[in-house]
All heavy atoms as atom14 arrays in JSON, in Angstrom:
{
  "sequence": "SSITQAASIAALTQSDEPSRQMTAEFKRRRDIVKSLLDAIPGI",
  "atom14_mask": [
    [1, 1, 1, 1, 1, 1, 0, 0, 0, 0, 0, 0, 0, 0],
    [1, 1, 1, 1, 1, 1, 0, 0, 0, 0, 0, 0, 0, 0],
    [1, 1, 1, 1, 1, 1, 1, 1, 0, 0, 0, 0, 0, 0],
    [1, 1, 1, 1, 1, 1, 1, 0, 0, 0, 0, 0, 0, 0],
    [1, 1, 1, 1, 1, 1, 1, 1, 1, 0, 0, 0, 0, 0],
    [1, 1, 1, 1, 1, 0, 0, 0, 0, 0, 0, 0, 0, 0],
    [1, 1, 1, 1, 1, 0, 0, 0, 0, 0, 0, 0, 0, 0],
    [1, 1, 1, 1, 1, 1, 0, 0, 0, 0, 0, 0, 0, 0],
    [1, 1, 1, 1, 1, 1, 1, 1, 0, 0, 0, 0, 0, 0],
    [1, 1, 1, 1, 1, 0, 0, 0, 0, 0, 0, 0, 0, 0],
    [1, 1, 1, 1, 1, 0, 0, 0, 0, 0, 0, 0, 0, 0],
    [1, 1, 1, 1, 1, 1, 1, 1, 0, 0, 0, 0, 0, 0],
    [1, 1, 1, 1, 1, 1, 1, 0, 0, 0, 0, 0, 0, 0],
    [1, 1, 1, 1, 1, 1, 1, 1, 1, 0, 0, 0, 0, 0],
    [1, 1, 1, 1, 1, 1, 0, 0, 0, 0, 0, 0, 0, 0],
    [1, 1, 1, 1, 1, 1, 1, 1, 0, 0, 0, 0, 0, 0],
    [1, 1, 1, 1, 1, 1, 1, 1, 1, 0, 0, 0, 0, 0],
    [1, 1, 1, 1, 1, 1, 1, 0, 0, 0, 0, 0, 0, 0],
    [1, 1, 1, 1, 1, 1, 0, 0, 0, 0, 0, 0, 0, 0],
    [1, 1, 1, 1, 1, 1, 1, 1, 1, 1, 1, 0, 0, 0],
    [1, 1, 1, 1, 1, 1, 1, 1, 1, 0, 0, 0, 0, 0],
    [1, 1, 1, 1, 1, 1, 1, 1, 0, 0, 0, 0, 0, 0],
    [1, 1, 1, 1, 1, 1, 1, 0, 0, 0, 0, 0, 0, 0],
    [1, 1, 1, 1, 1, 0, 0, 0, 0, 0, 0, 0, 0, 0],
    [1, 1, 1, 1, 1, 1, 1, 1, 1, 0, 0, 0, 0, 0],
    [1, 1, 1, 1, 1, 1, 1, 1, 1, 1, 1, 0, 0, 0],
    [1, 1, 1, 1, 1, 1, 1, 1, 1, 0, 0, 0, 0, 0],
    [1, 1, 1, 1, 1, 1, 1, 1, 1, 1, 1, 0, 0, 0],
    [1, 1, 1, 1, 1, 1, 1, 1, 1, 1, 1, 0, 0, 0],
    [1, 1, 1, 1, 1, 1, 1, 1, 1, 1, 1, 0, 0, 0],
    [1, 1, 1, 1, 1, 1, 1, 1, 0, 0, 0, 0, 0, 0],
    [1, 1, 1, 1, 1, 1, 1, 1, 0, 0, 0, 0, 0, 0],
    [1, 1, 1, 1, 1, 1, 1, 0, 0, 0, 0, 0, 0, 0],
    [1, 1, 1, 1, 1, 1, 1, 1, 1, 0, 0, 0, 0, 0],
    [1, 1, 1, 1, 1, 1, 0, 0, 0, 0, 0, 0, 0, 0],
    [1, 1, 1, 1, 1, 1, 1, 1, 0, 0, 0, 0, 0, 0],
    [1, 1, 1, 1, 1, 1, 1, 1, 0, 0, 0, 0, 0, 0],
    [1, 1, 1, 1, 1, 1, 1, 1, 0, 0, 0, 0, 0, 0],
    [1, 1, 1, 1, 1, 0, 0, 0, 0, 0, 0, 0, 0, 0],
    [1, 1, 1, 1, 1, 1, 1, 1, 0, 0, 0, 0, 0, 0],
    [1, 1, 1, 1, 1, 1, 1, 0, 0, 0, 0, 0, 0, 0],
    [1, 1, 1, 1, 0, 0, 0, 0, 0, 0, 0, 0, 0, 0],
    [1, 1, 1, 1, 1, 1, 1, 1, 0, 0, 0, 0, 0, 0]
  ],
  "atom14_positions": [
    [[0.79, -1.23, -0.02], [-0.03, -0.02, 0.01], [0.73, 1.21, 0.07], [1.68, 1.46, 0.8], [-0.92, 0.04, 1.2], [-1.43, 1.27, 1.48], [0.0, 0.0, 0.0], [0.0, 0.0, 0.0], [0.0, 0.0, 0.0], [0.0, 0.0, 0.0], [0.0, 0.0, 0.0], [0.0, 0.0, 0.0], [0.0, 0.0, 0.0], [0.0, 0.0, 0.0]],
    [[0.55, 2.13, -1.04], [1.3, 3.36, -1.02], [1.04, 4.28, 0.28], [1.91, 5.02, 0.69], [0.82, 4.17, -2.21], [-0.53, 4.35, -2.26], [0.0, 0.0, 0.0], [0.0, 0.0, 0.0], [0.0, 0.0, 0.0], [0.0, 0.0, 0.0], [0.0, 0.0, 0.0], [0.0, 0.0, 0.0], [0.0, 0.0, 0.0], [0.0, 0.0, 0.0]],
    [[-0.15, 4.13, 0.81], [-0.43, 4.92, 1.96], [0.33, 4.43, 3.27], [0.92, 5.18, 4.01], [-1.88, 4.91, 2.28], [-2.76, 5.34, 1.09], [-2.37, 5.87, 3.49], [-2.34, 6.56, 0.43], [0.0, 0.0, 0.0], [0.0, 0.0, 0.0], [0.0, 0.0, 0.0], [0.0, 0.0, 0.0], [0.0, 0.0, 0.0], [0.0, 0.0, 0.0]],
    [[0.4, 3.12, 3.33], [1.21, 2.56, 4.42], [2.66, 2.88, 4.21], [3.37, 3.2, 5.33], [1.1, 1.0, 4.36], [-0.22, 0.59, 4.78], [2.18, 0.28, 5.21], [0.0, 0.0, 0.0], [0.0, 0.0, 0.0], [0.0, 0.0, 0.0], [0.0, 0.0, 0.0], [0.0, 0.0, 0.0], [0.0, 0.0, 0.0], [0.0, 0.0, 0.0]],
    [[3.17, 2.96, 3.04], [4.55, 3.33, 2.82], [4.86, 4.81, 3.21], [5.81, 5.13, 3.88], [5.04, 3.12, 1.41], [5.0, 1.75, 0.97], [5.77, 1.49, -0.31], [6.94, 1.82, -0.37], [5.11, 0.92, -1.24], [0.0, 0.0, 0.0], [0.0, 0.0, 0.0], [0.0, 0.0, 0.0], [0.0, 0.0, 0.0], [0.0, 0.0, 0.0]],
    [[3.9, 5.74, 2.98], [4.03, 7.05, 3.4], [4.03, 7.14, 4.92], [4.78, 7.88, 5.54], [2.9, 7.96, 2.81], [0.0, 0.0, 0.0], [0.0, 0.0, 0.0], [0.0, 0.0, 0.0], [0.0, 0.0, 0.0], [0.0, 0.0, 0.0], [0.0, 0.0, 0.0], [0.0, 0.0, 0.0], [0.0, 0.0, 0.0], [0.0, 0.0, 0.0]],
    [[3.2, 6.45, 5.61], [3.15, 6.33, 7.08], [4.42, 5.81, 7.61], [5.0, 6.32, 8.56], [1.93, 5.63, 7.55], [0.0, 0.0, 0.0], [0.0, 0.0, 0.0], [0.0, 0.0, 0.0], [0.0, 0.0, 0.0], [0.0, 0.0, 0.0], [0.0, 0.0, 0.0], [0.0, 0.0, 0.0], [0.0, 0.0, 0.0], [0.0, 0.0, 0.0]],
    [[4.93, 4.81, 6.99], [6.26, 4.17, 7.49], [7.43, 5.11, 7.36], [8.29, 5.0, 8.21], [6.36, 2.89, 6.77], [5.37, 1.94, 6.91], [0.0, 0.0, 0.0], [0.0, 0.0, 0.0], [0.0, 0.0, 0.0], [0.0, 0.0, 0.0], [0.0, 0.0, 0.0], [0.0, 0.0, 0.0], [0.0, 0.0, 0.0], [0.0, 0.0, 0.0]],
    [[7.41, 5.88, 6.28], [8.52, 6.81, 6.15], [8.55, 7.87, 7.35], [9.54, 8.09, 7.98], [8.42, 7.61, 4.85], [8.69, 6.67, 3.64], [9.33, 8.79, 4.88], [8.33, 7.34, 2.35], [0.0, 0.0, 0.0], [0.0, 0.0, 0.0], [0.0, 0.0, 0.0], [0.0, 0.0, 0.0], [0.0, 0.0, 0.0], [0.0, 0.0, 0.0]],
    [[7.38, 8.3, 7.7], [7.18, 9.1, 8.96], [7.68, 8.46, 10.19], [8.3, 9.0, 11.07], [5.8, 9.64, 9.13], [0.0, 0.0, 0.0], [0.0, 0.0, 0.0], [0.0, 0.0, 0.0], [0.0, 0.0, 0.0], [0.0, 0.0, 0.0], [0.0, 0.0, 0.0], [0.0, 0.0, 0.0], [0.0, 0.0, 0.0], [0.0, 0.0, 0.0]],
    [[7.21, 7.12, 10.29], [7.6, 6.34, 11.48], [9.1, 6.31, 11.65], [9.73, 6.45, 12.68], [6.99, 5.0, 11.45], [0.0, 0.0, 0.0], [0.0, 0.0, 0.0], [0.0, 0.0, 0.0], [0.0, 0.0, 0.0], [0.0, 0.0, 0.0], [0.0, 0.0, 0.0], [0.0, 0.0, 0.0], [0.0, 0.0, 0.0], [0.0, 0.0, 0.0]],
    [[9.8, 6.05, 10.54], [11.21, 5.74, 10.59], [12.15, 7.02, 10.63], [13.24, 6.96, 10.87], [11.69, 4.88, 9.31], [11.08, 3.36, 9.39], [11.3, 2.74, 8.07], [11.65, 2.59, 10.53], [0.0, 0.0, 0.0], [0.0, 0.0, 0.0], [0.0, 0.0, 0.0], [0.0, 0.0, 0.0], [0.0, 0.0, 0.0], [0.0, 0.0, 0.0]],
    [[11.56, 8.16, 10.22], [12.4, 9.33, 10.06], [11.95, 10.46, 11.03], [12.75, 11.34, 11.25], [12.24, 9.94, 8.64], [10.89, 10.22, 8.38], [12.69, 8.97, 7.59], [0.0, 0.0, 0.0], [0.0, 0.0, 0.0], [0.0, 0.0, 0.0], [0.0, 0.0, 0.0], [0.0, 0.0, 0.0], [0.0, 0.0, 0.0], [0.0, 0.0, 0.0]],
    [[10.93, 10.2, 11.73], [10.53, 11.35, 12.67], [10.65, 10.84, 14.17], [11.42, 9.83, 14.27], [9.07, 11.83, 12.37], [9.04, 12.55, 10.95], [7.61, 12.99, 10.71], [6.88, 13.35, 11.47], [7.25, 12.96, 9.39], [0.0, 0.0, 0.0], [0.0, 0.0, 0.0], [0.0, 0.0, 0.0], [0.0, 0.0, 0.0], [0.0, 0.0, 0.0]],
    [[10.02, 11.46, 15.07], [10.29, 11.18, 16.52], [9.98, 9.71, 16.85], [8.93, 9.28, 16.51], [9.48, 12.07, 17.38], [9.58, 11.75, 18.71], [0.0, 0.0, 0.0], [0.0, 0.0, 0.0], [0.0, 0.0, 0.0], [0.0, 0.0, 0.0], [0.0, 0.0, 0.0], [0.0, 0.0, 0.0], [0.0, 0.0, 0.0], [0.0, 0.0, 0.0]],
    [[10.89, 9.19, 17.63], [10.6, 7.85, 18.33], [10.02, 7.94, 19.73], [9.89, 7.0, 20.41], [11.97, 7.02, 18.41], [12.27, 6.39, 17.03], [11.4, 6.34, 16.09], [13.42, 5.94, 16.85], [0.0, 0.0, 0.0], [0.0, 0.0, 0.0], [0.0, 0.0, 0.0], [0.0, 0.0, 0.0], [0.0, 0.0, 0.0], [0.0, 0.0, 0.0]],
    [[9.75, 9.13, 20.12], [9.37, 9.28, 21.5], [8.13, 8.48, 21.9], [8.12, 7.85, 22.95], [9.15, 10.79, 21.78], [8.79, 11.14, 23.25], [9.85, 10.61, 24.24], [11.03, 10.58, 23.97], [9.39, 10.29, 25.38], [0.0, 0.0, 0.0], [0.0, 0.0, 0.0], [0.0, 0.0, 0.0], [0.0, 0.0, 0.0], [0.0, 0.0, 0.0]],
    [[7.05, 8.49, 20.98], [5.95, 7.55, 21.32], [6.37, 6.1, 21.51], [5.78, 5.48, 22.42], [4.97, 7.79, 20.24], [5.34, 9.09, 19.66], [6.78, 9.26, 19.79], [0.0, 0.0, 0.0], [0.0, 0.0, 0.0], [0.0, 0.0, 0.0], [0.0, 0.0, 0.0], [0.0, 0.0, 0.0], [0.0, 0.0, 0.0], [0.0, 0.0, 0.0]],
    [[7.28, 5.67, 20.74], [7.73, 4.29, 20.93], [8.47, 4.02, 22.25], [8.32, 2.98, 22.82], [8.7, 3.97, 19.74], [7.86, 3.96, 18.49], [0.0, 0.0, 0.0], [0.0, 0.0, 0.0], [0.0, 0.0, 0.0], [0.0, 0.0, 0.0], [0.0, 0.0, 0.0], [0.0, 0.0, 0.0], [0.0, 0.0, 0.0], [0.0, 0.0, 0.0]],
    [[9.28, 5.02, 22.63], [9.95, 5.01, 23.92], [9.01, 4.94, 25.13], [9.13, 4.13, 26.08], [10.97, 6.13, 24.02], [12.18, 5.96, 23.18], [13.26, 6.89, 23.5], [12.91, 8.21, 23.1], [13.27, 8.72, 21.9], [13.95, 8.04, 20.99], [13.03, 10.01, 21.55], [0.0, 0.0, 0.0], [0.0, 0.0, 0.0], [0.0, 0.0, 0.0]],
    [[7.93, 5.71, 24.98], [6.91, 5.77, 26.05], [6.13, 4.45, 26.17], [5.83, 3.97, 27.24], [5.98, 6.95, 25.79], [6.67, 8.4, 25.93], [5.66, 9.49, 25.64], [4.44, 9.27, 25.31], [6.12, 10.73, 25.61], [0.0, 0.0, 0.0], [0.0, 0.0, 0.0], [0.0, 0.0, 0.0], [0.0, 0.0, 0.0], [0.0, 0.0, 0.0]],
    [[5.85, 3.88, 24.94], [5.15, 2.6, 25.0], [5.97, 1.53, 25.53], [5.49, 0.76, 26.37], [4.82, 2.28, 23.52], [4.09, 1.04, 23.26], [3.59, 0.59, 21.52], [5.21, 0.37, 20.82], [0.0, 0.0, 0.0], [0.0, 0.0, 0.0], [0.0, 0.0, 0.0], [0.0, 0.0, 0.0], [0.0, 0.0, 0.0], [0.0, 0.0, 0.0]],
    [[7.33, 1.53, 25.24], [8.21, 0.55, 25.86], [8.29, 0.65, 27.25], [8.38, -0.26, 28.11], [9.61, 0.56, 25.08], [9.46, 0.29, 23.75], [10.53, -0.37, 25.73], [0.0, 0.0, 0.0], [0.0, 0.0, 0.0], [0.0, 0.0, 0.0], [0.0, 0.0, 0.0], [0.0, 0.0, 0.0], [0.0, 0.0, 0.0], [0.0, 0.0, 0.0]],
    [[8.34, 1.92, 27.73], [8.35, 2.19, 29.24], [7.24, 1.6, 29.91], [7.28, 1.03, 31.0], [8.61, 3.66, 29.55], [0.0, 0.0, 0.0], [0.0, 0.0, 0.0], [0.0, 0.0, 0.0], [0.0, 0.0, 0.0], [0.0, 0.0, 0.0], [0.0, 0.0, 0.0], [0.0, 0.0, 0.0], [0.0, 0.0, 0.0], [0.0, 0.0, 0.0]],
    [[6.08, 1.81, 29.27], [4.9, 1.25, 29.86], [4.71, -0.28, 29.84], [4.41, -0.87, 30.85], [3.56, 1.82, 29.11], [2.27, 1.23, 29.52], [1.86, 1.45, 30.91], [2.5, 2.34, 31.65], [0.99, 0.85, 31.42], [0.0, 0.0, 0.0], [0.0, 0.0, 0.0], [0.0, 0.0, 0.0], [0.0, 0.0, 0.0], [0.0, 0.0, 0.0]],
    [[5.34, -0.88, 28.72], [5.41, -2.35, 28.73], [6.29, -2.87, 29.84], [6.02, -3.83, 30.44], [5.97, -2.75, 27.34], [4.95, -2.79, 26.22], [5.24, -2.51, 24.96], [3.56, -3.22, 26.51], [4.35, -2.5, 23.93], [2.69, -3.19, 25.45], [3.0, -2.91, 24.16], [0.0, 0.0, 0.0], [0.0, 0.0, 0.0], [0.0, 0.0, 0.0]],
    [[7.39, -2.15, 30.11], [8.29, -2.6, 31.19], [7.63, -2.51, 32.48], [7.75, -3.41, 33.35], [9.61, -1.58, 31.15], [10.56, -2.1, 32.25], [11.84, -1.17, 32.25], [12.85, -1.69, 33.2], [12.44, -1.59, 34.67], [0.0, 0.0, 0.0], [0.0, 0.0, 0.0], [0.0, 0.0, 0.0], [0.0, 0.0, 0.0], [0.0, 0.0, 0.0]],
    [[6.85, -1.44, 32.76], [6.15, -1.27, 33.96], [5.19, -2.42, 34.18], [5.03, -3.05, 35.22], [5.51, 0.07, 34.05], [4.84, 0.44, 35.35], [4.11, 1.77, 35.34], [2.79, 1.58, 34.56], [1.7, 1.11, 35.12], [1.61, 0.77, 36.34], [0.55, 1.06, 34.42], [0.0, 0.0, 0.0], [0.0, 0.0, 0.0], [0.0, 0.0, 0.0]],
    [[4.48, -2.73, 33.13], [3.5, -3.84, 33.17], [4.16, -5.31, 33.37], [3.74, -6.13, 34.15], [2.68, -3.94, 31.95], [1.68, -2.74, 31.66], [1.06, -2.91, 30.41], [0.32, -1.81, 29.94], [-0.22, -1.73, 28.67], [-0.12, -2.65, 27.8], [-0.94, -0.57, 28.41], [0.0, 0.0, 0.0], [0.0, 0.0, 0.0], [0.0, 0.0, 0.0]],
    [[5.28, -5.33, 32.7], [6.12, -6.69, 32.81], [6.44, -6.82, 34.32], [6.28, -7.98, 34.81], [7.39, -6.57, 32.07], [8.3, -7.77, 32.13], [9.73, -7.46, 31.79], [10.34, -6.48, 32.7], [11.68, -6.31, 32.7], [12.54, -6.99, 31.97], [12.2, -5.44, 33.65], [0.0, 0.0, 0.0], [0.0, 0.0, 0.0], [0.0, 0.0, 0.0]],
    [[6.93, -5.89, 35.01], [7.31, -5.88, 36.38], [6.13, -6.38, 37.25], [6.2, -7.13, 38.22], [8.01, -4.63, 36.86], [9.26, -4.4, 36.13], [9.89, -5.25, 35.44], [9.77, -3.24, 36.23], [0.0, 0.0, 0.0], [0.0, 0.0, 0.0], [0.0, 0.0, 0.0], [0.0, 0.0, 0.0], [0.0, 0.0, 0.0], [0.0, 0.0, 0.0]],
    [[4.92, -5.71, 37.02], [3.79, -6.01, 37.8], [3.33, -7.48, 37.63], [3.05, -8.24, 38.57], [2.6, -5.08, 37.28], [2.99, -3.63, 37.81], [1.25, -5.54, 37.86], [1.96, -2.6, 37.26], [0.0, 0.0, 0.0], [0.0, 0.0, 0.0], [0.0, 0.0, 0.0], [0.0, 0.0, 0.0], [0.0, 0.0, 0.0], [0.0, 0.0, 0.0]],
    [[3.29, -7.91, 36.29], [2.86, -9.28, 36.04], [3.88, -10.21, 36.55], [3.46, -11.38, 37.11], [2.62, -9.46, 34.51], [2.41, -10.94, 34.15], [1.54, -8.56, 34.06], [0.0, 0.0, 0.0], [0.0, 0.0, 0.0], [0.0, 0.0, 0.0], [0.0, 0.0, 0.0], [0.0, 0.0, 0.0], [0.0, 0.0, 0.0], [0.0, 0.0, 0.0]],
    [[5.16, -9.96, 36.57], [6.14, -10.9, 37.0], [5.87, -11.14, 38.52], [5.93, -12.4, 38.97], [7.5, -10.33, 36.82], [8.71, -11.13, 37.46], [8.81, -12.56, 36.83], [10.14, -13.17, 37.04], [10.42, -13.46, 38.46], [0.0, 0.0, 0.0], [0.0, 0.0, 0.0], [0.0, 0.0, 0.0], [0.0, 0.0, 0.0], [0.0, 0.0, 0.0]],
    [[5.6, -10.1, 39.31], [5.45, -10.23, 40.71], [4.11, -11.04, 40.94], [3.95, -11.86, 41.95], [5.3, -8.93, 41.46], [4.24, -8.13, 41.0], [0.0, 0.0, 0.0], [0.0, 0.0, 0.0], [0.0, 0.0, 0.0], [0.0, 0.0, 0.0], [0.0, 0.0, 0.0], [0.0, 0.0, 0.0], [0.0, 0.0, 0.0], [0.0, 0.0, 0.0]],
    [[3.1, -10.84, 40.17], [1.83, -11.52, 40.33], [1.93, -13.06, 39.95], [1.39, -13.92, 40.71], [0.67, -10.85, 39.47], [0.37, -9.46, 39.79], [-0.58, -8.93, 38.8], [-0.35, -9.48, 41.19], [0.0, 0.0, 0.0], [0.0, 0.0, 0.0], [0.0, 0.0, 0.0], [0.0, 0.0, 0.0], [0.0, 0.0, 0.0], [0.0, 0.0, 0.0]],
    [[2.63, -13.25, 38.92], [2.86, -14.74, 38.46], [3.7, -15.46, 39.56], [3.48, -16.69, 39.89], [3.46, -14.85, 37.12], [2.64, -14.36, 35.93], [3.5, -14.46, 34.69], [1.48, -15.35, 35.84], [0.0, 0.0, 0.0], [0.0, 0.0, 0.0], [0.0, 0.0, 0.0], [0.0, 0.0, 0.0], [0.0, 0.0, 0.0], [0.0, 0.0, 0.0]],
    [[4.72, -14.77, 40.07], [5.59, -15.4, 41.16], [4.82, -15.79, 42.31], [5.23, -16.68, 43.08], [6.72, -14.38, 41.52], [7.87, -14.31, 40.54], [7.98, -15.26, 39.68], [8.54, -13.36, 40.59], [0.0, 0.0, 0.0], [0.0, 0.0, 0.0], [0.0, 0.0, 0.0], [0.0, 0.0, 0.0], [0.0, 0.0, 0.0], [0.0, 0.0, 0.0]],
    [[3.63, -15.14, 42.63], [2.9, -15.47, 43.78], [2.02, -16.68, 43.53], [1.26, -17.05, 44.53], [2.07, -14.18, 44.15], [0.0, 0.0, 0.0], [0.0, 0.0, 0.0], [0.0, 0.0, 0.0], [0.0, 0.0, 0.0], [0.0, 0.0, 0.0], [0.0, 0.0, 0.0], [0.0, 0.0, 0.0], [0.0, 0.0, 0.0], [0.0, 0.0, 0.0]],
    [[1.93, -17.22, 42.43], [1.02, -18.34, 42.18], [1.8, -19.7, 42.32], [2.81, -19.93, 41.65], [0.47, -18.29, 40.69], [-0.28, -17.07, 40.4], [-0.48, -19.56, 40.44], [-0.84, -16.9, 38.96], [0.0, 0.0, 0.0], [0.0, 0.0, 0.0], [0.0, 0.0, 0.0], [0.0, 0.0, 0.0], [0.0, 0.0, 0.0], [0.0, 0.0, 0.0]],
    [[1.37, -20.47, 43.31], [2.02, -21.7, 43.59], [2.1, -22.63, 42.28], [0.97, -22.78, 41.67], [1.2, -22.39, 44.81], [0.51, -21.18, 45.39], [0.26, -20.15, 44.25], [0.0, 0.0, 0.0], [0.0, 0.0, 0.0], [0.0, 0.0, 0.0], [0.0, 0.0, 0.0], [0.0, 0.0, 0.0], [0.0, 0.0, 0.0], [0.0, 0.0, 0.0]],
    [[3.24, -23.2, 42.01], [3.24, -24.15, 40.86], [3.72, -23.54, 39.56], [4.12, -24.25, 38.67], [0.0, 0.0, 0.0], [0.0, 0.0, 0.0], [0.0, 0.0, 0.0], [0.0, 0.0, 0.0], [0.0, 0.0, 0.0], [0.0, 0.0, 0.0], [0.0, 0.0, 0.0], [0.0, 0.0, 0.0], [0.0, 0.0, 0.0], [0.0, 0.0, 0.0]],
    [[3.66, -22.19, 39.46], [4.1, -21.52, 38.27], [5.59, -21.25, 38.36], [6.08, -20.77, 39.43], [3.25, -20.17, 38.11], [1.81, -20.36, 37.68], [4.01, -19.23, 37.17], [1.64, -20.52, 36.16], [0.0, 0.0, 0.0], [0.0, 0.0, 0.0], [0.0, 0.0, 0.0], [0.0, 0.0, 0.0], [0.0, 0.0, 0.0], [0.0, 0.0, 0.0]]
  ]
}
C-alpha cells in the first residue's frame, strides 16, 4: 500500500518518543505481571 509506505517513512524518520513511552509502559506492566505470577504456587 502506497499509504502505508508514506506512514512508514514518517515512522522511521520522525520522532521515536511515542515508541519509547510505549516501551516504558510495557516494562512497568512486565514488572507487575512478574510479581503476580511469582505469587502463584506451581508456576
